[in-house]
N, C-alpha and C. Protein backbone atom coordinates (compact mmCIF):
# COMPACT_ATOMS: atom_id res chain seq x y z
N UNK A 1 0.57 -1.10 0.15
CA UNK A 1 0.09 -0.11 0.29
C UNK A 1 0.71 0.81 0.01
N UNK A 2 1.91 1.41 0.73
CA UNK A 2 3.00 2.44 0.50
C UNK A 2 3.81 2.61 -0.81
N UNK A 3 3.67 1.73 -1.48
CA UNK A 3 3.92 2.19 -2.95
C UNK A 3 2.85 2.27 -3.91
N UNK A 4 1.96 1.83 -3.23
CA UNK A 4 0.52 2.49 -4.26
C UNK A 4 0.23 4.17 -4.07
N UNK A 5 0.23 4.34 -2.89
CA UNK A 5 -0.16 5.89 -2.49
C UNK A 5 1.15 6.64 -2.76
N UNK A 6 2.27 5.70 -3.14
CA UNK A 6 3.45 6.74 -3.53
C UNK A 6 3.72 6.99 -4.95
N UNK A 7 3.37 5.94 -5.11
CA UNK A 7 3.18 5.69 -6.86
C UNK A 7 1.95 7.12 -7.57
N UNK A 8 0.76 6.74 -6.71
CA UNK A 8 -0.23 8.00 -6.56
C UNK A 8 -0.02 8.96 -6.74
N UNK A 9 0.79 9.56 -5.38
CA UNK A 9 1.36 10.31 -5.49
C UNK A 9 2.25 11.44 -6.22
N UNK A 10 3.62 10.35 -6.68
CA UNK A 10 3.92 10.69 -7.85
C UNK A 10 3.29 10.68 -8.81
N UNK A 11 2.51 10.02 -9.18
CA UNK A 11 1.76 10.56 -10.54
C UNK A 11 0.54 11.44 -10.23
N UNK A 12 0.33 12.15 -9.16
CA UNK A 12 -0.39 13.20 -9.01
C UNK A 12 0.67 14.74 -9.14
N UNK A 13 1.47 13.90 -8.37
CA UNK A 13 2.57 15.47 -8.65
C UNK A 13 2.88 15.48 -10.33
N UNK A 14 3.66 14.20 -11.21
CA UNK A 14 3.68 14.24 -12.07
C UNK A 14 2.62 14.66 -12.93
N UNK A 15 1.49 14.93 -12.80
CA UNK A 15 0.45 15.53 -13.43
C UNK A 15 0.28 16.87 -13.16
N UNK A 16 0.44 17.33 -11.64
CA UNK A 16 0.60 18.53 -11.53
C UNK A 16 1.84 19.08 -12.15
N UNK A 17 2.94 18.61 -12.21
CA UNK A 17 3.89 19.20 -13.02
C UNK A 17 3.34 19.46 -14.43
N UNK A 18 2.95 18.49 -14.39
CA UNK A 18 2.54 18.70 -16.10
C UNK A 18 0.93 19.58 -16.42
N UNK A 19 0.53 19.94 -15.52
CA UNK A 19 -0.65 20.92 -15.55
C UNK A 19 0.07 22.05 -15.29
N UNK A 20 0.83 22.44 -14.64
CA UNK A 20 1.90 23.74 -14.27
C UNK A 20 2.64 23.66 -15.55
N UNK A 21 2.97 23.01 -15.89
CA UNK A 21 3.94 23.17 -17.40
C UNK A 21 3.07 23.42 -18.35
N UNK A 22 1.89 22.99 -18.44
CA UNK A 22 1.19 23.25 -19.73
C UNK A 22 0.48 24.64 -19.65
N UNK A 23 0.25 25.43 -18.13
CA UNK A 23 -0.55 26.55 -17.32
C UNK A 23 0.46 27.68 -18.07
N UNK A 24 1.75 27.16 -17.48
CA UNK A 24 3.01 28.08 -17.93
C UNK A 24 3.42 28.43 -19.34
N UNK A 25 2.95 27.31 -20.31
CA UNK A 25 3.19 27.11 -21.43
C UNK A 25 1.87 27.98 -21.92
N UNK A 26 1.02 27.89 -21.31
CA UNK A 26 -0.38 28.56 -22.18
C UNK A 26 0.13 30.13 -21.90
N UNK A 27 0.42 30.35 -20.26
CA UNK A 27 1.11 31.76 -20.14
C UNK A 27 2.20 32.32 -21.40
N UNK A 28 3.02 31.87 -21.15
CA UNK A 28 3.71 31.53 -22.12
C UNK A 28 3.59 32.35 -23.63
N UNK A 29 2.36 31.27 -23.83
CA UNK A 29 1.73 31.52 -25.12
C UNK A 29 1.20 32.94 -25.49
N UNK A 30 0.17 33.16 -24.06
CA UNK A 30 -0.63 34.20 -24.45
C UNK A 30 0.46 35.38 -24.23
N UNK A 31 1.03 34.93 -23.48
CA UNK A 31 2.04 36.28 -23.12
C UNK A 31 2.29 36.80 -24.52
N UNK A 32 3.23 35.89 -25.06
CA UNK A 32 4.04 36.16 -26.96
C UNK A 32 3.00 36.66 -27.31
N UNK A 33 1.48 35.69 -27.48
CA UNK A 33 0.07 36.27 -28.54
C UNK A 33 -0.19 38.13 -27.82
N UNK A 34 -0.01 38.29 -27.02
CA UNK A 34 -0.54 39.81 -26.84
C UNK A 34 0.62 40.78 -27.11
N UNK A 35 2.08 39.84 -27.06
CA UNK A 35 2.94 40.39 -27.26
C UNK A 35 3.41 41.40 -29.03
N UNK A 36 2.31 40.25 -29.41
CA UNK A 36 2.71 39.88 -31.07
C UNK A 36 1.52 40.58 -31.45
N UNK A 37 0.15 40.99 -30.61
CA UNK A 37 -0.90 41.51 -30.82
C UNK A 37 -0.47 43.12 -30.71
N UNK A 38 0.43 43.29 -29.75
CA UNK A 38 0.43 44.75 -29.47
C UNK A 38 1.19 45.45 -30.49
N UNK A 39 2.55 44.73 -30.81
CA UNK A 39 3.28 44.94 -31.78
C UNK A 39 2.26 45.24 -33.08
N UNK A 40 1.78 44.74 -33.43
CA UNK A 40 0.78 44.35 -34.59
C UNK A 40 0.02 46.01 -34.90
N UNK A 41 -0.98 45.92 -33.42
CA UNK A 41 -1.49 47.46 -32.99
C UNK A 41 -0.63 48.68 -32.81
N UNK A 42 0.62 48.45 -32.50
CA UNK A 42 1.06 49.90 -32.77
C UNK A 42 1.85 49.79 -33.96
N UNK A 43 2.39 49.18 -34.88
CA UNK A 43 2.22 48.90 -36.39
C UNK A 43 1.29 49.63 -37.17
N UNK A 44 -0.43 49.03 -36.92
CA UNK A 44 -1.17 49.29 -37.56
C UNK A 44 -1.39 51.06 -37.19
N UNK A 45 -1.63 51.43 -35.80
CA UNK A 45 -1.44 52.88 -35.15
C UNK A 45 -0.64 53.56 -36.22
N UNK A 46 0.52 53.36 -36.56
CA UNK A 46 1.73 53.87 -36.74
C UNK A 46 1.41 54.07 -38.74
N UNK A 47 0.70 53.21 -39.26
CA UNK A 47 0.45 52.62 -40.37
C UNK A 47 -0.73 54.03 -40.84
N UNK A 48 -1.61 53.78 -39.90
CA UNK A 48 -2.80 54.80 -39.96
C UNK A 48 -2.38 55.95 -39.71
N UNK A 49 -1.41 56.42 -39.03
CA UNK A 49 -1.11 57.77 -38.65
C UNK A 49 -0.35 58.50 -40.10
N UNK A 50 0.77 57.41 -41.24
CA UNK A 50 0.90 57.87 -41.92
C UNK A 50 0.00 57.60 -43.06
N UNK A 51 -0.76 57.05 -43.30
CA UNK A 51 -2.02 57.21 -44.21
C UNK A 51 -2.97 58.31 -43.68
N UNK A 52 -3.02 58.51 -42.86
CA UNK A 52 -3.66 60.05 -42.46
C UNK A 52 -2.90 61.11 -42.57
N UNK A 53 -1.71 60.93 -42.53
CA UNK A 53 -1.20 62.06 -42.88
C UNK A 53 -1.24 62.03 -44.65
N UNK A 54 -1.33 61.20 -45.34
CA UNK A 54 -1.04 60.82 -46.94
C UNK A 54 -2.51 61.88 -46.98
N UNK A 55 -3.30 61.45 -46.47
CA UNK A 55 -4.68 61.44 -46.80
C UNK A 55 -5.03 62.94 -46.81
N UNK A 56 -4.12 63.56 -45.60
CA UNK A 56 -4.27 65.00 -45.12
C UNK A 56 -3.69 65.42 -46.37
N UNK A 57 -2.68 65.22 -46.45
CA UNK A 57 -1.54 65.63 -47.95
C UNK A 57 -2.15 66.17 -49.23
N UNK A 58 -2.74 65.10 -49.48
CA UNK A 58 -3.63 65.27 -50.83
C UNK A 58 -4.92 66.02 -51.06
N UNK A 59 -5.37 65.89 -48.98
CA UNK A 59 -6.38 66.22 -49.54
C UNK A 59 -6.08 68.44 -49.62
N UNK A 60 -5.24 68.26 -48.50
CA UNK A 60 -4.36 70.27 -49.15
C UNK A 60 -4.04 70.12 -50.25
N UNK A 61 -3.44 69.50 -51.01
CA UNK A 61 -3.21 69.33 -52.33
C UNK A 61 -4.09 70.01 -53.15
N UNK A 62 -5.22 69.06 -52.73
CA UNK A 62 -6.67 69.05 -53.74
C UNK A 62 -7.14 71.18 -53.19
N UNK A 63 -7.45 70.91 -52.16
CA UNK A 63 -7.92 72.34 -51.75
C UNK A 63 -7.51 73.59 -52.34
N UNK A 64 -5.69 73.39 -52.22
CA UNK A 64 -4.50 74.47 -52.85
C UNK A 64 -4.97 74.22 -54.00
N UNK A 65 -4.95 73.55 -54.94
CA UNK A 65 -5.12 73.18 -56.32
C UNK A 65 -6.73 73.73 -57.11
N UNK A 66 -7.63 74.02 -56.10
CA UNK A 66 -8.82 74.01 -56.13
C UNK A 66 -9.04 75.94 -56.02
N UNK A 67 -8.46 76.67 -54.91
CA UNK A 67 -8.20 78.24 -54.24
C UNK A 67 -7.32 78.56 -55.92
N UNK A 68 -6.23 77.80 -56.32
CA UNK A 68 -5.46 78.45 -57.12
C UNK A 68 -6.31 78.99 -58.43
N UNK A 69 -7.06 77.52 -58.48
CA UNK A 69 -8.28 78.07 -59.90
C UNK A 69 -9.03 78.93 -59.42
N UNK A 70 -9.96 79.58 -58.66
CA UNK A 70 -10.84 80.37 -58.05
C UNK A 70 -9.92 81.67 -58.20
N UNK A 71 -8.39 81.68 -57.52
CA UNK A 71 -8.01 83.18 -57.55
C UNK A 71 -7.63 83.45 -58.98
N UNK A 72 -7.30 82.44 -59.66
CA UNK A 72 -6.82 82.87 -61.11
C UNK A 72 -7.74 83.16 -61.98
N UNK A 73 -9.24 82.93 -61.63
CA UNK A 73 -10.42 83.22 -62.33
C UNK A 73 -10.56 84.74 -61.95
N UNK A 74 -10.49 84.73 -60.38
CA UNK A 74 -11.06 85.99 -59.94
C UNK A 74 -9.81 87.38 -60.62
N UNK A 75 -8.82 86.52 -60.56
CA UNK A 75 -7.66 87.70 -61.02
C UNK A 75 -8.06 88.38 -62.66
N UNK A 76 -8.47 87.07 -63.35
CA UNK A 76 -9.25 87.19 -64.63
C UNK A 76 -9.82 88.12 -64.45
N UNK A 77 -11.06 87.81 -63.91
CA UNK A 77 -11.90 88.92 -63.73
C UNK A 77 -11.64 90.29 -62.97
N UNK A 78 -11.24 90.33 -62.07
CA UNK A 78 -10.43 91.62 -62.19
C UNK A 78 -9.77 92.23 -62.71
N UNK A 79 -9.23 91.39 -63.64
CA UNK A 79 -8.18 92.37 -64.74
C UNK A 79 -9.39 92.91 -65.42
N UNK A 80 -10.21 91.93 -66.51
CA UNK A 80 -11.13 91.93 -67.30
C UNK A 80 -12.19 93.57 -66.99
N UNK A 81 -12.21 93.55 -66.22
CA UNK A 81 -13.05 94.84 -65.56
C UNK A 81 -12.41 95.94 -65.10
N UNK A 82 -11.15 95.99 -64.40
CA UNK A 82 -9.85 97.14 -64.14
C UNK A 82 -9.96 97.36 -65.74
N UNK A 83 -9.85 96.51 -66.99
CA UNK A 83 -9.36 96.92 -68.35
C UNK A 83 -10.64 97.87 -68.94
N UNK A 84 -11.72 97.28 -68.89
CA UNK A 84 -12.73 98.17 -68.94
C UNK A 84 -13.33 99.20 -68.02
N UNK A 85 -12.56 99.84 -66.92
CA UNK A 85 -12.95 101.11 -66.20
C UNK A 85 -11.85 101.69 -66.61
N UNK A 86 -10.35 101.17 -67.02
CA UNK A 86 -9.64 102.02 -67.34
C UNK A 86 -10.01 102.31 -69.06
N UNK A 87 -10.49 101.74 -69.78
CA UNK A 87 -11.61 102.11 -71.39
C UNK A 87 -12.10 103.35 -70.52
N UNK A 88 -13.18 103.00 -70.13
CA UNK A 88 -13.69 104.14 -70.00
C UNK A 88 -13.06 104.77 -69.38
N UNK A 89 -12.28 105.17 -68.26
CA UNK A 89 -11.95 106.22 -68.03
C UNK A 89 -10.88 107.46 -68.58
N UNK A 90 -10.20 105.92 -69.79
CA UNK A 90 -9.48 106.71 -70.84
C UNK A 90 -10.24 107.56 -71.92
N UNK A 91 -11.62 106.96 -72.41
CA UNK A 91 -12.59 107.60 -73.08
C UNK A 91 -13.33 109.11 -72.23
N UNK A 92 -13.52 108.95 -71.46
CA UNK A 92 -13.76 109.85 -70.09
C UNK A 92 -12.82 111.43 -70.63
N UNK A 93 -11.43 111.01 -70.58
CA UNK A 93 -10.49 111.84 -70.73
C UNK A 93 -10.54 112.47 -71.77
N UNK A 94 -10.32 111.94 -72.87
CA UNK A 94 -10.40 111.99 -74.00
C UNK A 94 -11.60 112.89 -74.84
N UNK A 95 -12.56 112.98 -73.82
CA UNK A 95 -13.71 113.87 -74.32
C UNK A 95 -13.31 114.93 -73.66
N UNK A 96 -13.29 114.48 -72.10
CA UNK A 96 -12.81 116.70 -71.46
C UNK A 96 -11.46 117.00 -72.31
N UNK A 97 -10.88 116.19 -72.73
CA UNK A 97 -9.47 116.92 -73.35
C UNK A 97 -9.95 117.72 -74.70
N UNK A 98 -10.97 116.68 -75.50
CA UNK A 98 -12.18 117.69 -76.77
C UNK A 98 -12.36 119.03 -76.40
N UNK A 99 -13.34 118.46 -74.91
CA UNK A 99 -13.60 119.99 -74.91
C UNK A 99 -12.96 121.03 -74.25
N UNK A 100 -12.41 120.51 -73.05
CA UNK A 100 -10.88 121.31 -73.11
C UNK A 100 -10.56 122.16 -74.32
N UNK A 101 -10.20 121.63 -75.49
CA UNK A 101 -9.70 122.10 -76.25
C UNK A 101 -10.58 123.32 -77.40
N UNK A 102 -11.86 123.10 -77.30
CA UNK A 102 -13.17 123.53 -77.87
C UNK A 102 -13.49 124.94 -76.93
N UNK A 103 -13.30 124.50 -75.43
CA UNK A 103 -13.39 125.70 -74.90
C UNK A 103 -12.27 126.85 -74.93
N UNK A 104 -10.89 125.78 -74.90
CA UNK A 104 -9.85 127.19 -75.28
C UNK A 104 -10.42 127.87 -76.55
N UNK A 105 -10.66 127.18 -77.66
CA UNK A 105 -11.01 127.63 -78.95
C UNK A 105 -12.04 128.68 -78.96
N UNK A 106 -12.96 128.42 -78.27
CA UNK A 106 -14.76 129.36 -78.09
C UNK A 106 -14.13 130.72 -77.02
N UNK A 107 -13.06 130.40 -76.52
CA UNK A 107 -12.50 131.39 -75.62
C UNK A 107 -11.51 132.24 -75.87
N UNK A 108 -10.80 131.53 -77.51
CA UNK A 108 -9.65 132.77 -78.12
C UNK A 108 -10.88 133.20 -79.36
N UNK A 109 -11.96 132.53 -79.70
CA UNK A 109 -12.68 133.53 -80.35
C UNK A 109 -13.61 134.58 -79.56
N UNK A 110 -13.75 133.94 -78.46
CA UNK A 110 -14.34 135.71 -77.65
C UNK A 110 -13.29 136.31 -77.60
N UNK A 111 -12.26 136.07 -77.22
CA UNK A 111 -11.26 137.17 -76.85
C UNK A 111 -10.95 138.06 -78.04
N UNK A 112 -11.09 137.66 -79.41
CA UNK A 112 -10.81 138.09 -80.62
C UNK A 112 -11.56 138.65 -80.53
N UNK A 113 -13.05 138.18 -80.32
CA UNK A 113 -14.14 139.21 -80.87
C UNK A 113 -14.15 140.40 -80.07
N UNK A 114 -14.14 139.79 -78.72
CA UNK A 114 -13.52 141.16 -77.77
C UNK A 114 -12.72 142.16 -78.41
N UNK A 115 -11.27 142.02 -78.47
CA UNK A 115 -10.83 143.05 -78.90
C UNK A 115 -10.77 143.91 -80.24
N UNK A 116 -11.63 143.20 -81.30
CA UNK A 116 -11.79 143.34 -82.20
C UNK A 116 -13.30 144.80 -82.24
N UNK A 117 -13.92 144.35 -81.14
CA UNK A 117 -15.21 144.97 -80.71
C UNK A 117 -14.70 146.45 -80.03
N UNK A 118 -13.14 146.14 -79.00
CA UNK A 118 -12.65 147.12 -78.25
C UNK A 118 -12.11 147.94 -79.44
N UNK A 119 -11.20 147.38 -80.39
CA UNK A 119 -11.04 148.39 -81.29
C UNK A 119 -11.51 149.41 -82.48
N UNK A 120 -12.97 149.01 -82.68
CA UNK A 120 -14.25 149.07 -83.02
C UNK A 120 -14.76 150.58 -82.40
N UNK A 121 -14.57 150.36 -80.72
CA UNK A 121 -14.94 151.57 -80.05
C UNK A 121 -14.02 152.46 -79.74
N UNK A 122 -12.99 151.65 -79.81
CA UNK A 122 -11.80 153.03 -79.67
C UNK A 122 -11.84 153.64 -81.02
N UNK A 123 -11.75 153.37 -81.91
CA UNK A 123 -12.05 153.96 -83.38
C UNK A 123 -13.22 154.74 -83.27
N UNK A 124 -14.24 154.80 -83.29
CA UNK A 124 -15.48 155.27 -82.84
C UNK A 124 -14.90 156.77 -82.38
N UNK A 125 -14.57 155.69 -80.72
CA UNK A 125 -14.30 157.45 -79.64
C UNK A 125 -13.48 158.23 -80.39
N UNK A 126 -12.68 157.80 -80.84
CA UNK A 126 -11.28 158.57 -81.41
C UNK A 126 -11.96 159.10 -82.83
N UNK A 127 -13.04 158.84 -83.83
CA UNK A 127 -13.46 159.73 -84.43
C UNK A 127 -14.23 161.05 -83.54
N UNK A 128 -15.02 160.22 -82.79
CA UNK A 128 -16.17 161.00 -81.88
C UNK A 128 -15.22 162.43 -81.56
N UNK A 129 -14.71 162.30 -80.84
CA UNK A 129 -13.29 162.87 -79.53
C UNK A 129 -13.40 164.08 -81.02
N UNK A 130 -11.99 163.66 -82.21
CA UNK A 130 -12.47 164.52 -83.85
C UNK A 130 -13.36 164.83 -83.73
N UNK A 131 -14.64 164.83 -83.83
CA UNK A 131 -15.47 165.82 -84.32
C UNK A 131 -15.96 166.57 -83.18
N UNK A 132 -15.30 165.96 -82.12
CA UNK A 132 -15.76 167.04 -80.75
C UNK A 132 -14.71 168.01 -80.56
N UNK A 133 -13.39 167.67 -81.26
CA UNK A 133 -12.28 168.91 -81.14
C UNK A 133 -12.91 169.96 -81.86
N UNK A 134 -13.00 169.46 -83.23
CA UNK A 134 -13.08 169.79 -84.24
C UNK A 134 -14.42 171.05 -83.79
N UNK A 135 -15.76 170.99 -83.43
CA UNK A 135 -16.47 171.71 -83.18
C UNK A 135 -15.77 172.74 -81.72
N UNK A 136 -15.10 172.03 -80.93
CA UNK A 136 -14.42 172.77 -79.99
C UNK A 136 -13.30 173.87 -80.39
N UNK A 137 -12.48 173.68 -81.48
CA UNK A 137 -11.77 174.67 -82.19
C UNK A 137 -12.79 175.53 -83.02
N UNK A 138 -13.89 174.88 -83.67
CA UNK A 138 -15.00 175.92 -84.27
C UNK A 138 -15.17 177.42 -83.48
N UNK A 139 -15.92 176.40 -81.84
CA UNK A 139 -16.16 177.30 -81.09
C UNK A 139 -15.31 178.44 -80.24
N UNK A 140 -14.10 177.90 -80.02
CA UNK A 140 -12.92 178.66 -79.90
C UNK A 140 -12.65 179.80 -80.90
N UNK A 141 -12.66 179.55 -82.01
CA UNK A 141 -12.75 180.23 -83.27
C UNK A 141 -13.77 181.40 -83.49
N UNK A 142 -14.60 180.73 -83.46
CA UNK A 142 -16.02 181.48 -83.37
C UNK A 142 -15.87 182.72 -81.71
N UNK A 143 -15.45 182.31 -80.91
CA UNK A 143 -15.37 183.13 -79.98
C UNK A 143 -14.60 184.00 -79.80
N UNK A 144 -13.02 183.83 -79.91
CA UNK A 144 -12.03 184.34 -80.61
C UNK A 144 -12.23 185.42 -81.51
N UNK A 145 -13.24 184.72 -82.58
CA UNK A 145 -13.55 186.03 -83.41
C UNK A 145 -14.21 186.83 -83.01
N UNK A 146 -15.72 186.61 -82.19
CA UNK A 146 -16.56 187.78 -81.16
C UNK A 146 -15.73 188.57 -80.64
N UNK A 147 -14.63 187.89 -79.77
CA UNK A 147 -13.67 188.47 -78.81
C UNK A 147 -12.99 190.17 -79.23
N UNK A 148 -11.95 189.16 -80.69
CA UNK A 148 -11.34 190.53 -81.24
C UNK A 148 -13.05 191.60 -81.83
N UNK A 149 -13.70 190.92 -82.31
CA UNK A 149 -14.62 191.99 -82.92
C UNK A 149 -15.10 192.96 -81.60
N UNK A 150 -14.99 192.69 -80.60
CA UNK A 150 -15.37 193.29 -79.90
C UNK A 150 -14.20 194.31 -79.13
N UNK A 151 -12.97 193.85 -79.28
CA UNK A 151 -12.26 194.38 -79.00
C UNK A 151 -11.95 195.55 -79.80
């Protein structure tokens, strides 16, 4: 009987050792699996970060391209608008230059007419003054003759 319980104990110990070894192997396997999964998770996170970075970069590139096209269109529209405004202002300037030339011409004509009329007025006044001087001289002569006659 002592061998049987000893053999049973040995067998029990052997089974416990095997169970313990199996547990440790399972635990080691589980730890190895956990490490593998953590490494895989960190790689996936890193890959996800790179993918997200690439997506953001492409998105920004697309936005820049769109904004570039919009700005170029705006510049073209503003350029055309500026050209139209400049043409309009050039037309106004040309019209004002023509009006100024016409006004200067009109002013020159008015000045010539004024000078001509002033010359005519001066001539008329000189003629009148001549007649008045003749009349005065005649009266002075008549008065002198009358004075001489009375003397």
